[in-house]
């Protein structure tokens, strides 16, 4: 699933995508939040050009506990 270019992200209903394995968030400078629980089926999460999320999703960020179960996490190319 790809979300980007100033689209508004709604977490409502995301829990129904039970087979989702790859999620790319790109070019969403206004996006500030992730759902409380991301799908356990996620194998990769990529976050690029989402300034407000980047710090929260870093290893020291407040969202790390929400995403640390994902095997491959890439934030701004790292």
PDB file of N, CA and C in Angstrom:
ATOM      1  N   UNK A   1       0.857  -1.165   0.000  1.00  0.00           N
ATOM      2  CA  UNK A   1       0.000   0.000   0.000  1.00  0.00           C
ATOM      3  C   UNK A   1       0.898   1.221   0.000  1.00  0.00           C
ATOM      4  N   UNK A   2       0.553   2.184  -0.795  1.00  0.00           N
ATOM      5  CA  UNK A   2       1.331   3.412  -0.933  1.00  0.00           C
ATOM      6  C   UNK A   2       0.434   4.590  -0.598  1.00  0.00           C
ATOM      7  N   UNK A   3       0.895   5.440   0.292  1.00  0.00           N
ATOM      8  CA  UNK A   3       0.170   6.668   0.616  1.00  0.00           C
ATOM      9  C   UNK A   3       1.140   7.820   0.452  1.00  0.00           C
ATOM     10  N   UNK A   4       0.744   8.827  -0.300  1.00  0.00           N
ATOM     11  CA  UNK A   4       1.670   9.929  -0.463  1.00  0.00           C
ATOM     12  C   UNK A   4       1.082  11.118  -1.162  1.00  0.00           C
ATOM     13  N   UNK A   5       1.930  12.093  -1.380  1.00  0.00           N
ATOM     14  CA  UNK A   5       1.623  13.327  -2.070  1.00  0.00           C
ATOM     15  C   UNK A   5       0.396  14.023  -1.487  1.00  0.00           C
ATOM     16  N   UNK A   6       0.538  14.375  -0.212  1.00  0.00           N
ATOM     17  CA  UNK A   6      -0.467  15.172   0.489  1.00  0.00           C
ATOM     18  C   UNK A   6      -1.827  14.503   0.628  1.00  0.00           C
ATOM     19  N   UNK A   7      -1.870  13.211   0.557  1.00  0.00           N
ATOM     20  CA  UNK A   7      -3.133  12.521   0.831  1.00  0.00           C
ATOM     21  C   UNK A   7      -3.333  12.467   2.335  1.00  0.00           C
ATOM     22  N   UNK A   8      -4.569  12.429   2.734  1.00  0.00           N
ATOM     23  CA  UNK A   8      -4.889  12.354   4.157  1.00  0.00           C
ATOM     24  C   UNK A   8      -4.979  10.884   4.542  1.00  0.00           C
ATOM     25  N   UNK A   9      -4.308  10.517   5.597  1.00  0.00           N
ATOM     26  CA  UNK A   9      -4.255   9.130   6.043  1.00  0.00           C
ATOM     27  C   UNK A   9      -5.287   8.914   7.139  1.00  0.00           C
ATOM     28  N   UNK A  10      -6.173   7.989   6.919  1.00  0.00           N
ATOM     29  CA  UNK A  10      -7.167   7.637   7.919  1.00  0.00           C
ATOM     30  C   UNK A  10      -6.855   6.248   8.448  1.00  0.00           C
ATOM     31  N   UNK A  11      -6.693   6.127   9.741  1.00  0.00           N
ATOM     32  CA  UNK A  11      -6.388   4.825  10.329  1.00  0.00           C
ATOM     33  C   UNK A  11      -7.632   3.960  10.458  1.00  0.00           C
ATOM     34  N   UNK A  12      -8.802   4.559  10.342  1.00  0.00           N
ATOM     35  CA  UNK A  12     -10.031   3.789  10.441  1.00  0.00           C
ATOM     36  C   UNK A  12     -10.080   2.792   9.300  1.00  0.00           C
ATOM     37  N   UNK A  13     -10.208   1.527   9.635  1.00  0.00           N
ATOM     38  CA  UNK A  13     -10.288   0.496   8.614  1.00  0.00           C
ATOM     39  C   UNK A  13      -8.966  -0.149   8.269  1.00  0.00           C
ATOM     40  N   UNK A  14      -7.855   0.430   8.660  1.00  0.00           N
ATOM     41  CA  UNK A  14      -6.552  -0.145   8.348  1.00  0.00           C
ATOM     42  C   UNK A  14      -6.409  -1.540   8.948  1.00  0.00           C
ATOM     43  N   UNK A  15      -7.026  -1.767  10.100  1.00  0.00           N
ATOM     44  CA  UNK A  15      -6.922  -3.067  10.752  1.00  0.00           C
ATOM     45  C   UNK A  15      -7.557  -4.180   9.931  1.00  0.00           C
ATOM     46  N   UNK A  16      -8.363  -3.834   8.942  1.00  0.00           N
ATOM     47  CA  UNK A  16      -9.000  -4.834   8.085  1.00  0.00           C
ATOM     48  C   UNK A  16      -8.087  -5.303   6.950  1.00  0.00           C
ATOM     49  N   UNK A  17      -6.968  -4.651   6.755  1.00  0.00           N
ATOM     50  CA  UNK A  17      -6.016  -5.052   5.716  1.00  0.00           C
ATOM     51  C   UNK A  17      -5.056  -6.084   6.301  1.00  0.00           C
ATOM     52  N   UNK A  18      -5.579  -7.225   6.663  1.00  0.00           N
ATOM     53  CA  UNK A  18      -4.832  -8.216   7.437  1.00  0.00           C
ATOM     54  C   UNK A  18      -3.682  -8.868   6.683  1.00  0.00           C
ATOM     55  N   UNK A  19      -3.655  -8.776   5.373  1.00  0.00           N
ATOM     56  CA  UNK A  19      -2.567  -9.376   4.591  1.00  0.00           C
ATOM     57  C   UNK A  19      -1.533  -8.355   4.134  1.00  0.00           C
ATOM     58  N   UNK A  20      -1.695  -7.105   4.533  1.00  0.00           N
ATOM     59  CA  UNK A  20      -0.778  -6.049   4.107  1.00  0.00           C
ATOM     60  C   UNK A  20       0.633  -6.345   4.606  1.00  0.00           C
ATOM     61  N   UNK A  21       1.595  -6.391   3.683  1.00  0.00           N
ATOM     62  CA  UNK A  21       2.976  -6.697   4.049  1.00  0.00           C
ATOM     63  C   UNK A  21       3.923  -5.517   3.897  1.00  0.00           C
ATOM     64  N   UNK A  22       3.625  -4.592   2.990  1.00  0.00           N
ATOM     65  CA  UNK A  22       4.521  -3.467   2.719  1.00  0.00           C
ATOM     66  C   UNK A  22       3.712  -2.172   2.727  1.00  0.00           C
ATOM     67  N   UNK A  23       4.173  -1.208   3.496  1.00  0.00           N
ATOM     68  CA  UNK A  23       3.500   0.080   3.588  1.00  0.00           C
ATOM     69  C   UNK A  23       4.525   1.174   3.336  1.00  0.00           C
ATOM     70  N   UNK A  24       4.227   2.053   2.368  1.00  0.00           N
ATOM     71  CA  UNK A  24       5.099   3.178   2.030  1.00  0.00           C
ATOM     72  C   UNK A  24       4.325   4.463   2.299  1.00  0.00           C
ATOM     73  N   UNK A  25       4.886   5.308   3.136  1.00  0.00           N
ATOM     74  CA  UNK A  25       4.345   6.638   3.399  1.00  0.00           C
ATOM     75  C   UNK A  25       5.349   7.617   2.813  1.00  0.00           C
ATOM     76  N   UNK A  26       4.945   8.337   1.795  1.00  0.00           N
ATOM     77  CA  UNK A  26       5.873   9.207   1.077  1.00  0.00           C
ATOM     78  C   UNK A  26       5.219  10.546   0.775  1.00  0.00           C
ATOM     79  N   UNK A  27       5.938  11.610   1.031  1.00  0.00           N
ATOM     80  CA  UNK A  27       5.487  12.945   0.670  1.00  0.00           C
ATOM     81  C   UNK A  27       4.228  13.377   1.395  1.00  0.00           C
ATOM     82  N   UNK A  28       4.162  13.085   2.678  1.00  0.00           N
ATOM     83  CA  UNK A  28       3.001  13.473   3.497  1.00  0.00           C
ATOM     84  C   UNK A  28       3.479  14.387   4.624  1.00  0.00           C
ATOM     85  N   UNK A  29       3.840  15.631   4.309  1.00  0.00           N
ATOM     86  CA  UNK A  29       4.428  16.502   5.322  1.00  0.00           C
ATOM     87  C   UNK A  29       3.482  16.857   6.467  1.00  0.00           C
ATOM     88  N   UNK A  30       2.188  16.706   6.274  1.00  0.00           N
ATOM     89  CA  UNK A  30       1.231  17.045   7.327  1.00  0.00           C
ATOM     90  C   UNK A  30       0.868  15.856   8.212  1.00  0.00           C
ATOM     91  N   UNK A  31       1.263  14.655   7.807  1.00  0.00           N
ATOM     92  CA  UNK A  31       0.923  13.470   8.590  1.00  0.00           C
ATOM     93  C   UNK A  31       1.705  13.476   9.895  1.00  0.00           C
ATOM     94  N   UNK A  32       0.984  13.383  11.018  1.00  0.00           N
ATOM     95  CA  UNK A  32       1.610  13.441  12.330  1.00  0.00           C
ATOM     96  C   UNK A  32       1.507  12.137  13.106  1.00  0.00           C
ATOM     97  N   UNK A  33       0.535  11.318  12.788  1.00  0.00           N
ATOM     98  CA  UNK A  33       0.238  10.168  13.634  1.00  0.00           C
ATOM     99  C   UNK A  33       0.142   8.876  12.842  1.00  0.00           C
ATOM    100  N   UNK A  34       0.453   7.791  13.524  1.00  0.00           N
ATOM    101  CA  UNK A  34       0.219   6.445  13.023  1.00  0.00           C
ATOM    102  C   UNK A  34      -0.884   5.829  13.874  1.00  0.00           C
ATOM    103  N   UNK A  35      -1.546   4.815  13.359  1.00  0.00           N
ATOM    104  CA  UNK A  35      -2.544   4.129  14.191  1.00  0.00           C
ATOM    105  C   UNK A  35      -1.879   3.547  15.441  1.00  0.00           C
ATOM    106  N   UNK A  36      -2.658   3.370  16.485  1.00  0.00           N
ATOM    107  CA  UNK A  36      -2.119   2.823  17.728  1.00  0.00           C
ATOM    108  C   UNK A  36      -1.490   1.454  17.524  1.00  0.00           C
ATOM    109  N   UNK A  37      -2.063   0.663  16.640  1.00  0.00           N
ATOM    110  CA  UNK A  37      -1.548  -0.676  16.393  1.00  0.00           C
ATOM    111  C   UNK A  37      -1.426  -0.884  14.896  1.00  0.00           C
ATOM    112  N   UNK A  38      -0.199  -1.045  14.425  1.00  0.00           N
ATOM    113  CA  UNK A  38       0.002  -1.379  13.019  1.00  0.00           C
ATOM    114  C   UNK A  38      -0.121  -2.882  12.858  1.00  0.00           C
ATOM    115  N   UNK A  39      -0.451  -3.307  11.678  1.00  0.00           N
ATOM    116  CA  UNK A  39      -0.706  -4.712  11.419  1.00  0.00           C
ATOM    117  C   UNK A  39       0.509  -5.590  11.691  1.00  0.00           C
ATOM    118  N   UNK A  40       0.310  -6.708  12.368  1.00  0.00           N
ATOM    119  CA  UNK A  40       1.428  -7.613  12.631  1.00  0.00           C
ATOM    120  C   UNK A  40       1.964  -8.279  11.368  1.00  0.00           C
ATOM    121  N   UNK A  41       1.202  -8.235  10.272  1.00  0.00           N
ATOM    122  CA  UNK A  41       1.637  -8.848   9.012  1.00  0.00           C
ATOM    123  C   UNK A  41       2.654  -7.995   8.255  1.00  0.00           C
ATOM    124  N   UNK A  42       2.871  -6.744   8.677  1.00  0.00           N
ATOM    125  CA  UNK A  42       3.798  -5.865   7.957  1.00  0.00           C
ATOM    126  C   UNK A  42       5.223  -6.411   7.997  1.00  0.00           C
ATOM    127  N   UNK A  43       5.823  -6.500   6.822  1.00  0.00           N
ATOM    128  CA  UNK A  43       7.222  -6.912   6.698  1.00  0.00           C
ATOM    129  C   UNK A  43       8.132  -5.716   6.475  1.00  0.00           C
ATOM    130  N   UNK A  44       7.564  -4.636   5.906  1.00  0.00           N
ATOM    131  CA  UNK A  44       8.382  -3.444   5.681  1.00  0.00           C
ATOM    132  C   UNK A  44       7.539  -2.185   5.812  1.00  0.00           C
ATOM    133  N   UNK A  45       8.182  -1.167   6.352  1.00  0.00           N
ATOM    134  CA  UNK A  45       7.583   0.155   6.490  1.00  0.00           C
ATOM    135  C   UNK A  45       8.611   1.158   5.992  1.00  0.00           C
ATOM    136  N   UNK A  46       8.217   1.964   5.015  1.00  0.00           N
ATOM    137  CA  UNK A  46       9.086   3.000   4.471  1.00  0.00           C
ATOM    138  C   UNK A  46       8.423   4.347   4.702  1.00  0.00           C
ATOM    139  N   UNK A  47       9.172   5.271   5.292  1.00  0.00           N
ATOM    140  CA  UNK A  47       8.674   6.624   5.547  1.00  0.00           C
ATOM    141  C   UNK A  47       9.670   7.595   4.935  1.00  0.00           C
ATOM    142  N   UNK A  48       9.235   8.344   3.941  1.00  0.00           N
ATOM    143  CA  UNK A  48      10.084   9.331   3.274  1.00  0.00           C
ATOM    144  C   UNK A  48       9.316  10.637   3.121  1.00  0.00           C
ATOM    145  N   UNK A  49       9.995  11.726   3.415  1.00  0.00           N
ATOM    146  CA  UNK A  49       9.437  13.065   3.237  1.00  0.00           C
ATOM    147  C   UNK A  49       8.146  13.266   4.031  1.00  0.00           C
ATOM    148  N   UNK A  50       8.144  12.768   5.249  1.00  0.00           N
ATOM    149  CA  UNK A  50       7.027  12.950   6.184  1.00  0.00           C
ATOM    150  C   UNK A  50       7.622  13.531   7.466  1.00  0.00           C
ATOM    151  N   UNK A  51       7.973  14.787   7.420  1.00  0.00           N
ATOM    152  CA  UNK A  51       8.740  15.439   8.490  1.00  0.00           C
ATOM    153  C   UNK A  51       8.187  15.204   9.889  1.00  0.00           C
ATOM    154  N   UNK A  52       6.892  15.294  10.043  1.00  0.00           N
ATOM    155  CA  UNK A  52       6.308  15.207  11.380  1.00  0.00           C
ATOM    156  C   UNK A  52       6.324  13.791  11.942  1.00  0.00           C
ATOM    157  N   UNK A  53       6.430  12.803  11.081  1.00  0.00           N
ATOM    158  CA  UNK A  53       6.479  11.408  11.535  1.00  0.00           C
ATOM    159  C   UNK A  53       7.896  10.906  11.762  1.00  0.00           C
ATOM    160  N   UNK A  54       8.849  11.443  11.057  1.00  0.00           N
ATOM    161  CA  UNK A  54      10.213  10.907  11.056  1.00  0.00           C
ATOM    162  C   UNK A  54      10.807  10.793  12.456  1.00  0.00           C
ATOM    163  N   UNK A  55      10.726  11.837  13.236  1.00  0.00           N
ATOM    164  CA  UNK A  55      11.287  11.808  14.587  1.00  0.00           C
ATOM    165  C   UNK A  55      10.560  10.841  15.492  1.00  0.00           C
ATOM    166  N   UNK A  56       9.261  10.792  15.377  1.00  0.00           N
ATOM    167  CA  UNK A  56       8.469   9.892  16.212  1.00  0.00           C
ATOM    168  C   UNK A  56       8.744   8.426  15.908  1.00  0.00           C
ATOM    169  N   UNK A  57       9.138   8.130  14.682  1.00  0.00           N
ATOM    170  CA  UNK A  57       9.368   6.742  14.269  1.00  0.00           C
ATOM    171  C   UNK A  57      10.827   6.318  14.381  1.00  0.00           C
ATOM    172  N   UNK A  58      11.702   7.216  14.787  1.00  0.00           N
ATOM    173  CA  UNK A  58      13.110   6.842  14.972  1.00  0.00           C
ATOM    174  C   UNK A  58      13.225   5.929  16.191  1.00  0.00           C
ATOM    175  N   UNK A  59      14.382   5.302  16.357  1.00  0.00           N
ATOM    176  CA  UNK A  59      14.582   4.370  17.480  1.00  0.00           C
ATOM    177  C   UNK A  59      14.351   5.032  18.837  1.00  0.00           C
ATOM    178  N   UNK A  60      14.555   6.315  18.921  1.00  0.00           N
ATOM    179  CA  UNK A  60      14.344   7.042  20.176  1.00  0.00           C
ATOM    180  C   UNK A  60      12.990   7.741  20.226  1.00  0.00           C
ATOM    181  N   UNK A  61      12.201   7.593  19.170  1.00  0.00           N
ATOM    182  CA  UNK A  61      10.928   8.291  19.086  1.00  0.00           C
ATOM    183  C   UNK A  61       9.794   7.607  19.829  1.00  0.00           C
ATOM    184  N   UNK A  62       8.741   8.346  20.036  1.00  0.00           N
ATOM    185  CA  UNK A  62       7.596   7.849  20.804  1.00  0.00           C
ATOM    186  C   UNK A  62       6.829   6.729  20.098  1.00  0.00           C
ATOM    187  N   UNK A  63       6.997   6.579  18.791  1.00  0.00           N
ATOM    188  CA  UNK A  63       6.279   5.526  18.061  1.00  0.00           C
ATOM    189  C   UNK A  63       7.103   4.256  17.861  1.00  0.00           C
ATOM    190  N   UNK A  64       8.348   4.245  18.325  1.00  0.00           N
ATOM    191  CA  UNK A  64       9.195   3.073  18.082  1.00  0.00           C
ATOM    192  C   UNK A  64       8.540   1.792  18.614  1.00  0.00           C
ATOM    193  N   UNK A  65       7.908   1.856  19.768  1.00  0.00           N
ATOM    194  CA  UNK A  65       7.273   0.653  20.323  1.00  0.00           C
ATOM    195  C   UNK A  65       6.130   0.155  19.438  1.00  0.00           C
ATOM    196  N   UNK A  66       5.541   1.026  18.643  1.00  0.00           N
ATOM    197  CA  UNK A  66       4.456   0.636  17.729  1.00  0.00           C
ATOM    198  C   UNK A  66       4.972  -0.038  16.462  1.00  0.00           C
ATOM    199  N   UNK A  67       6.209   0.270  16.074  1.00  0.00           N
ATOM    200  CA  UNK A  67       6.704  -0.233  14.787  1.00  0.00           C
ATOM    201  C   UNK A  67       7.886  -1.186  14.909  1.00  0.00           C
ATOM    202  N   UNK A  68       8.434  -1.363  16.095  1.00  0.00           N
ATOM    203  CA  UNK A  68       9.663  -2.151  16.242  1.00  0.00           C
ATOM    204  C   UNK A  68       9.497  -3.619  15.859  1.00  0.00           C
ATOM    205  N   UNK A  69       8.274  -4.120  15.781  1.00  0.00           N
ATOM    206  CA  UNK A  69       8.035  -5.513  15.373  1.00  0.00           C
ATOM    207  C   UNK A  69       8.207  -5.721  13.865  1.00  0.00           C
ATOM    208  N   UNK A  70       8.282  -4.646  13.103  1.00  0.00           N
ATOM    209  CA  UNK A  70       8.385  -4.731  11.644  1.00  0.00           C
ATOM    210  C   UNK A  70       9.843  -5.033  11.278  1.00  0.00           C
ATOM    211  N   UNK A  71      10.085  -6.121  10.527  1.00  0.00           N
ATOM    212  CA  UNK A  71      11.466  -6.517  10.225  1.00  0.00           C
ATOM    213  C   UNK A  71      12.289  -5.472   9.464  1.00  0.00           C
ATOM    214  N   UNK A  72      11.676  -4.763   8.532  1.00  0.00           N
ATOM    215  CA  UNK A  72      12.437  -3.792   7.731  1.00  0.00           C
ATOM    216  C   UNK A  72      11.772  -2.422   7.850  1.00  0.00           C
ATOM    217  N   UNK A  73      12.484  -1.502   8.466  1.00  0.00           N
ATOM    218  CA  UNK A  73      11.992  -0.134   8.626  1.00  0.00           C
ATOM    219  C   UNK A  73      13.004   0.796   7.973  1.00  0.00           C
ATOM    220  N   UNK A  74      12.522   1.633   7.074  1.00  0.00           N
ATOM    221  CA  UNK A  74      13.394   2.592   6.391  1.00  0.00           C
ATOM    222  C   UNK A  74      12.794   3.980   6.567  1.00  0.00           C
ATOM    223  N   UNK A  75      13.573   4.872   7.147  1.00  0.00           N
ATOM    224  CA  UNK A  75      13.118   6.245   7.347  1.00  0.00           C
ATOM    225  C   UNK A  75      14.100   7.158   6.635  1.00  0.00           C
ATOM    226  N   UNK A  76      13.618   7.864   5.627  1.00  0.00           N
ATOM    227  CA  UNK A  76      14.448   8.760   4.811  1.00  0.00           C
ATOM    228  C   UNK A  76      15.704   8.074   4.288  1.00  0.00           C
ATOM    229  N   UNK A  77      15.532   6.907   3.753  1.00  0.00           N
ATOM    230  CA  UNK A  77      16.629   6.196   3.122  1.00  0.00           C
ATOM    231  C   UNK A  77      17.556   5.457   4.059  1.00  0.00           C
ATOM    232  N   UNK A  78      17.315   5.531   5.336  1.00  0.00           N
ATOM    233  CA  UNK A  78      18.199   4.850   6.305  1.00  0.00           C
ATOM    234  C   UNK A  78      17.527   3.632   6.886  1.00  0.00           C
TER     235      UNK A  78
END
